[in-house]
Amino acid sequence: MVASTYPSAMKHHRRDEGGHVNHPKYPGDATNFGITQSVYETFRKRSGLPIRFVKPISEDEVSTIHMTL
């Protein structure tokens, strides 16, 4: 079920959550495509990858993170 609805859900997600946010008044970490900096760091550590800023997150990483949450 998830696999069949994922492409449609991600289309709407990118429209609604797409884009980088790192505003000092935003009550959370920097975010891109709905992925917070802390979630991205955890994902990269678990994947054996170096930590980096969430702004250049790839679509493959976004998809992998969303599918594993």
PDB file of N, CA and C in Angstrom:
ATOM      1  N   MET A   1       0.826  -1.200   0.000  1.00  0.00           N
ATOM      2  CA  MET A   1       0.000   0.000   0.000  1.00  0.00           C
ATOM      3  C   MET A   1       0.862   1.251   0.000  1.00  0.00           C
ATOM      4  N   VAL A   2       1.845   1.296   0.865  1.00  0.00           N
ATOM      5  CA  VAL A   2       2.701   2.486   0.936  1.00  0.00           C
ATOM      6  C   VAL A   2       3.411   2.722  -0.384  1.00  0.00           C
ATOM      7  N   ALA A   3       3.967   1.676  -0.965  1.00  0.00           N
ATOM      8  CA  ALA A   3       4.707   1.819  -2.218  1.00  0.00           C
ATOM      9  C   ALA A   3       3.830   2.385  -3.331  1.00  0.00           C
ATOM     10  N   SER A   4       2.557   2.019  -3.370  1.00  0.00           N
ATOM     11  CA  SER A   4       1.684   2.486  -4.449  1.00  0.00           C
ATOM     12  C   SER A   4       1.238   3.936  -4.260  1.00  0.00           C
ATOM     13  N   THR A   5       1.186   4.414  -3.043  1.00  0.00           N
ATOM     14  CA  THR A   5       0.747   5.787  -2.796  1.00  0.00           C
ATOM     15  C   THR A   5       1.910   6.756  -2.579  1.00  0.00           C
ATOM     16  N   TYR A   6       3.119   6.228  -2.459  1.00  0.00           N
ATOM     17  CA  TYR A   6       4.271   7.066  -2.144  1.00  0.00           C
ATOM     18  C   TYR A   6       4.528   8.152  -3.185  1.00  0.00           C
ATOM     19  N   PRO A   7       4.564   7.853  -4.497  1.00  0.00           N
ATOM     20  CA  PRO A   7       4.846   8.916  -5.475  1.00  0.00           C
ATOM     21  C   PRO A   7       3.856  10.079  -5.394  1.00  0.00           C
ATOM     22  N   SER A   8       2.595   9.773  -5.243  1.00  0.00           N
ATOM     23  CA  SER A   8       1.583  10.831  -5.141  1.00  0.00           C
ATOM     24  C   SER A   8       1.758  11.632  -3.850  1.00  0.00           C
ATOM     25  N   ALA A   9       2.008  10.919  -2.767  1.00  0.00           N
ATOM     26  CA  ALA A   9       2.199  11.602  -1.486  1.00  0.00           C
ATOM     27  C   ALA A   9       3.414  12.516  -1.529  1.00  0.00           C
ATOM     28  N   MET A  10       4.505  12.054  -2.129  1.00  0.00           N
ATOM     29  CA  MET A  10       5.716  12.866  -2.205  1.00  0.00           C
ATOM     30  C   MET A  10       5.521  14.093  -3.092  1.00  0.00           C
ATOM     31  N   LYS A  11       4.726  13.982  -4.136  1.00  0.00           N
ATOM     32  CA  LYS A  11       4.436  15.139  -4.988  1.00  0.00           C
ATOM     33  C   LYS A  11       3.792  16.238  -4.151  1.00  0.00           C
ATOM     34  N   HIS A  12       2.830  15.872  -3.332  1.00  0.00           N
ATOM     35  CA  HIS A  12       2.151  16.848  -2.473  1.00  0.00           C
ATOM     36  C   HIS A  12       3.084  17.326  -1.358  1.00  0.00           C
ATOM     37  N   HIS A  13       3.873  16.413  -0.843  1.00  0.00           N
ATOM     38  CA  HIS A  13       4.810  16.764   0.229  1.00  0.00           C
ATOM     39  C   HIS A  13       5.827  17.796  -0.258  1.00  0.00           C
ATOM     40  N   ARG A  14       6.385  17.579  -1.434  1.00  0.00           N
ATOM     41  CA  ARG A  14       7.360  18.525  -1.987  1.00  0.00           C
ATOM     42  C   ARG A  14       6.725  19.890  -2.209  1.00  0.00           C
ATOM     43  N   ARG A  15       5.472  19.891  -2.643  1.00  0.00           N
ATOM     44  CA  ARG A  15       4.769  21.153  -2.853  1.00  0.00           C
ATOM     45  C   ARG A  15       4.559  21.879  -1.527  1.00  0.00           C
ATOM     46  N   ASP A  16       4.155  21.132  -0.498  1.00  0.00           N
ATOM     47  CA  ASP A  16       3.813  21.749   0.779  1.00  0.00           C
ATOM     48  C   ASP A  16       5.012  21.951   1.707  1.00  0.00           C
ATOM     49  N   GLU A  17       5.992  21.052   1.655  1.00  0.00           N
ATOM     50  CA  GLU A  17       7.123  21.084   2.579  1.00  0.00           C
ATOM     51  C   GLU A  17       8.449  21.388   1.902  1.00  0.00           C
ATOM     52  N   GLY A  18       8.453  21.478   0.579  1.00  0.00           N
ATOM     53  CA  GLY A  18       9.699  21.678  -0.145  1.00  0.00           C
ATOM     54  C   GLY A  18      10.337  23.009   0.165  1.00  0.00           C
ATOM     55  N   GLY A  19      11.630  23.010   0.144  1.00  0.00           N
ATOM     56  CA  GLY A  19      12.362  24.237   0.378  1.00  0.00           C
ATOM     57  C   GLY A  19      13.029  24.263   1.738  1.00  0.00           C
ATOM     58  N   HIS A  20      14.123  24.945   1.756  1.00  0.00           N
ATOM     59  CA  HIS A  20      14.944  25.040   2.955  1.00  0.00           C
ATOM     60  C   HIS A  20      14.420  26.151   3.867  1.00  0.00           C
ATOM     61  N   VAL A  21      14.343  25.850   5.170  1.00  0.00           N
ATOM     62  CA  VAL A  21      13.945  26.844   6.178  1.00  0.00           C
ATOM     63  C   VAL A  21      14.984  26.813   7.290  1.00  0.00           C
ATOM     64  N   ASN A  22      15.536  27.964   7.589  1.00  0.00           N
ATOM     65  CA  ASN A  22      16.473  28.086   8.704  1.00  0.00           C
ATOM     66  C   ASN A  22      16.352  29.489   9.267  1.00  0.00           C
ATOM     67  N   HIS A  23      15.188  29.803   9.755  1.00  0.00           N
ATOM     68  CA  HIS A  23      14.895  31.132  10.293  1.00  0.00           C
ATOM     69  C   HIS A  23      15.070  31.122  11.796  1.00  0.00           C
ATOM     70  N   PRO A  24      15.702  32.148  12.364  1.00  0.00           N
ATOM     71  CA  PRO A  24      15.929  32.151  13.815  1.00  0.00           C
ATOM     72  C   PRO A  24      14.650  32.076  14.653  1.00  0.00           C
ATOM     73  N   LYS A  25      13.518  32.506  14.101  1.00  0.00           N
ATOM     74  CA  LYS A  25      12.254  32.445  14.848  1.00  0.00           C
ATOM     75  C   LYS A  25      11.503  31.138  14.623  1.00  0.00           C
ATOM     76  N   TYR A  26      12.022  30.272  13.742  1.00  0.00           N
ATOM     77  CA  TYR A  26      11.412  28.974  13.493  1.00  0.00           C
ATOM     78  C   TYR A  26      11.719  28.074  14.686  1.00  0.00           C
ATOM     79  N   PRO A  27      10.698  27.447  15.265  1.00  0.00           N
ATOM     80  CA  PRO A  27      10.910  26.679  16.502  1.00  0.00           C
ATOM     81  C   PRO A  27      11.457  25.269  16.276  1.00  0.00           C
ATOM     82  N   GLY A  28      12.577  25.179  15.617  1.00  0.00           N
ATOM     83  CA  GLY A  28      13.172  23.870  15.378  1.00  0.00           C
ATOM     84  C   GLY A  28      14.466  23.996  14.624  1.00  0.00           C
ATOM     85  N   ASP A  29      14.989  22.861  14.231  1.00  0.00           N
ATOM     86  CA  ASP A  29      16.220  22.831  13.439  1.00  0.00           C
ATOM     87  C   ASP A  29      15.973  23.382  12.043  1.00  0.00           C
ATOM     88  N   ALA A  30      17.072  23.593  11.338  1.00  0.00           N
ATOM     89  CA  ALA A  30      16.955  23.861   9.903  1.00  0.00           C
ATOM     90  C   ALA A  30      16.233  22.670   9.282  1.00  0.00           C
ATOM     91  N   THR A  31      15.431  22.922   8.265  1.00  0.00           N
ATOM     92  CA  THR A  31      14.602  21.893   7.651  1.00  0.00           C
ATOM     93  C   THR A  31      14.643  22.020   6.138  1.00  0.00           C
ATOM     94  N   ASN A  32      14.620  20.892   5.444  1.00  0.00           N
ATOM     95  CA  ASN A  32      14.485  20.889   3.989  1.00  0.00           C
ATOM     96  C   ASN A  32      13.631  19.681   3.608  1.00  0.00           C
ATOM     97  N   PHE A  33      12.610  19.923   2.817  1.00  0.00           N
ATOM     98  CA  PHE A  33      11.653  18.886   2.405  1.00  0.00           C
ATOM     99  C   PHE A  33      11.083  18.131   3.605  1.00  0.00           C
ATOM    100  N   GLY A  34      10.887  18.840   4.709  1.00  0.00           N
ATOM    101  CA  GLY A  34      10.303  18.239   5.903  1.00  0.00           C
ATOM    102  C   GLY A  34      11.278  17.426   6.732  1.00  0.00           C
ATOM    103  N   ILE A  35      12.556  17.408   6.355  1.00  0.00           N
ATOM    104  CA  ILE A  35      13.579  16.680   7.102  1.00  0.00           C
ATOM    105  C   ILE A  35      14.354  17.681   7.949  1.00  0.00           C
ATOM    106  N   THR A  36      14.340  17.489   9.270  1.00  0.00           N
ATOM    107  CA  THR A  36      15.081  18.410  10.141  1.00  0.00           C
ATOM    108  C   THR A  36      16.565  18.067  10.130  1.00  0.00           C
ATOM    109  N   GLN A  37      17.354  19.041  10.524  1.00  0.00           N
ATOM    110  CA  GLN A  37      18.797  18.843  10.588  1.00  0.00           C
ATOM    111  C   GLN A  37      19.153  17.662  11.476  1.00  0.00           C
ATOM    112  N   SER A  38      18.506  17.539  12.620  1.00  0.00           N
ATOM    113  CA  SER A  38      18.853  16.449  13.541  1.00  0.00           C
ATOM    114  C   SER A  38      18.494  15.074  12.959  1.00  0.00           C
ATOM    115  N   VAL A  39      17.372  14.964  12.263  1.00  0.00           N
ATOM    116  CA  VAL A  39      17.006  13.693  11.620  1.00  0.00           C
ATOM    117  C   VAL A  39      18.009  13.372  10.513  1.00  0.00           C
ATOM    118  N   TYR A  40      18.392  14.389   9.760  1.00  0.00           N
ATOM    119  CA  TYR A  40      19.351  14.183   8.673  1.00  0.00           C
ATOM    120  C   TYR A  40      20.714  13.732   9.209  1.00  0.00           C
ATOM    121  N   GLU A  41      21.146  14.343  10.291  1.00  0.00           N
ATOM    122  CA  GLU A  41      22.417  13.937  10.894  1.00  0.00           C
ATOM    123  C   GLU A  41      22.362  12.487  11.364  1.00  0.00           C
ATOM    124  N   THR A  42      21.269  12.096  12.002  1.00  0.00           N
ATOM    125  CA  THR A  42      21.113  10.714  12.458  1.00  0.00           C
ATOM    126  C   THR A  42      21.150   9.756  11.273  1.00  0.00           C
ATOM    127  N   PHE A  43      20.429  10.083  10.202  1.00  0.00           N
ATOM    128  CA  PHE A  43      20.414   9.257   8.998  1.00  0.00           C
ATOM    129  C   PHE A  43      21.814   9.104   8.420  1.00  0.00           C
ATOM    130  N   ARG A  44      22.549  10.197   8.298  1.00  0.00           N
ATOM    131  CA  ARG A  44      23.886  10.141   7.700  1.00  0.00           C
ATOM    132  C   ARG A  44      24.854   9.357   8.573  1.00  0.00           C
ATOM    133  N   LYS A  45      24.761   9.525   9.892  1.00  0.00           N
ATOM    134  CA  LYS A  45      25.623   8.752  10.799  1.00  0.00           C
ATOM    135  C   LYS A  45      25.343   7.266  10.652  1.00  0.00           C
ATOM    136  N   ARG A  46      24.072   6.875  10.665  1.00  0.00           N
ATOM    137  CA  ARG A  46      23.690   5.458  10.532  1.00  0.00           C
ATOM    138  C   ARG A  46      24.090   4.878   9.181  1.00  0.00           C
ATOM    139  N   SER A  47      24.194   5.736   8.175  1.00  0.00           N
ATOM    140  CA  SER A  47      24.572   5.294   6.830  1.00  0.00           C
ATOM    141  C   SER A  47      26.082   5.315   6.631  1.00  0.00           C
ATOM    142  N   GLY A  48      26.822   5.711   7.669  1.00  0.00           N
ATOM    143  CA  GLY A  48      28.279   5.767   7.566  1.00  0.00           C
ATOM    144  C   GLY A  48      28.777   6.927   6.726  1.00  0.00           C
ATOM    145  N   LEU A  49      27.962   7.972   6.621  1.00  0.00           N
ATOM    146  CA  LEU A  49      28.306   9.142   5.818  1.00  0.00           C
ATOM    147  C   LEU A  49      28.685  10.309   6.722  1.00  0.00           C
ATOM    148  N   PRO A  50      29.511  11.217   6.227  1.00  0.00           N
ATOM    149  CA  PRO A  50      29.854  12.386   7.038  1.00  0.00           C
ATOM    150  C   PRO A  50      28.643  13.295   7.230  1.00  0.00           C
ATOM    151  N   ILE A  51      28.625  13.975   8.356  1.00  0.00           N
ATOM    152  CA  ILE A  51      27.553  14.928   8.654  1.00  0.00           C
ATOM    153  C   ILE A  51      27.692  16.129   7.724  1.00  0.00           C
ATOM    154  N   ARG A  52      26.561  16.603   7.246  1.00  0.00           N
ATOM    155  CA  ARG A  52      26.556  17.844   6.473  1.00  0.00           C
ATOM    156  C   ARG A  52      25.234  18.555   6.686  1.00  0.00           C
ATOM    157  N   PHE A  53      25.187  19.784   6.235  1.00  0.00           N
ATOM    158  CA  PHE A  53      23.999  20.609   6.401  1.00  0.00           C
ATOM    159  C   PHE A  53      22.845  20.041   5.570  1.00  0.00           C
ATOM    160  N   VAL A  54      21.622  20.172   6.055  1.00  0.00           N
ATOM    161  CA  VAL A  54      20.439  19.601   5.414  1.00  0.00           C
ATOM    162  C   VAL A  54      20.052  20.305   4.102  1.00  0.00           C
ATOM    163  N   LYS A  55      20.535  21.499   3.883  1.00  0.00           N
ATOM    164  CA  LYS A  55      20.118  22.252   2.696  1.00  0.00           C
ATOM    165  C   LYS A  55      20.353  21.503   1.380  1.00  0.00           C
ATOM    166  N   PRO A  56      21.517  20.832   1.161  1.00  0.00           N
ATOM    167  CA  PRO A  56      21.715  20.144  -0.118  1.00  0.00           C
ATOM    168  C   PRO A  56      21.228  18.691  -0.137  1.00  0.00           C
ATOM    169  N   ILE A  57      20.294  18.334   0.735  1.00  0.00           N
ATOM    170  CA  ILE A  57      19.800  16.949   0.795  1.00  0.00           C
ATOM    171  C   ILE A  57      19.317  16.508  -0.588  1.00  0.00           C
ATOM    172  N   SER A  58      19.633  15.264  -0.947  1.00  0.00           N
ATOM    173  CA  SER A  58      19.232  14.755  -2.263  1.00  0.00           C
ATOM    174  C   SER A  58      17.821  14.157  -2.201  1.00  0.00           C
ATOM    175  N   GLU A  59      17.192  14.047  -3.361  1.00  0.00           N
ATOM    176  CA  GLU A  59      15.858  13.438  -3.418  1.00  0.00           C
ATOM    177  C   GLU A  59      15.907  11.986  -2.981  1.00  0.00           C
ATOM    178  N   ASP A  60      16.988  11.292  -3.308  1.00  0.00           N
ATOM    179  CA  ASP A  60      17.135   9.900  -2.872  1.00  0.00           C
ATOM    180  C   ASP A  60      17.179   9.804  -1.355  1.00  0.00           C
ATOM    181  N   GLU A  61      17.909  10.731  -0.718  1.00  0.00           N
ATOM    182  CA  GLU A  61      17.978  10.734   0.745  1.00  0.00           C
ATOM    183  C   GLU A  61      16.613  11.043   1.353  1.00  0.00           C
ATOM    184  N   VAL A  62      15.915  12.010   0.783  1.00  0.00           N
ATOM    185  CA  VAL A  62      14.569  12.356   1.280  1.00  0.00           C
ATOM    186  C   VAL A  62      13.672  11.137   1.191  1.00  0.00           C
ATOM    187  N   SER A  63      13.669  10.465   0.054  1.00  0.00           N
ATOM    188  CA  SER A  63      12.825   9.284  -0.123  1.00  0.00           C
ATOM    189  C   SER A  63      13.189   8.180   0.872  1.00  0.00           C
ATOM    190  N   THR A  64      14.479   7.922   1.025  1.00  0.00           N
ATOM    191  CA  THR A  64      14.925   6.877   1.945  1.00  0.00           C
ATOM    192  C   THR A  64      14.510   7.205   3.368  1.00  0.00           C
ATOM    193  N   ILE A  65      14.709   8.432   3.786  1.00  0.00           N
ATOM    194  CA  ILE A  65      14.353   8.832   5.151  1.00  0.00           C
ATOM    195  C   ILE A  65      12.855   8.696   5.362  1.00  0.00           C
ATOM    196  N   HIS A  66      12.054   9.176   4.440  1.00  0.00           N
ATOM    197  CA  HIS A  66      10.599   9.087   4.595  1.00  0.00           C
ATOM    198  C   HIS A  66      10.106   7.644   4.597  1.00  0.00           C
ATOM    199  N   MET A  67      10.743   6.795   3.829  1.00  0.00           N
ATOM    200  CA  MET A  67      10.311   5.393   3.779  1.00  0.00           C
ATOM    201  C   MET A  67      10.712   4.621   5.032  1.00  0.00           C
ATOM    202  N   THR A  68      11.684   5.122   5.787  1.00  0.00           N
ATOM    203  CA  THR A  68      12.142   4.407   6.976  1.00  0.00           C
ATOM    204  C   THR A  68      11.580   4.977   8.260  1.00  0.00           C
ATOM    205  N   LEU A  69      10.876   6.071   8.184  1.00  0.00           N
ATOM    206  CA  LEU A  69      10.299   6.660   9.406  1.00  0.00           C
ATOM    207  C   LEU A  69       9.040   5.924   9.823  1.00  0.00           C
TER     208      LEU A  69
END
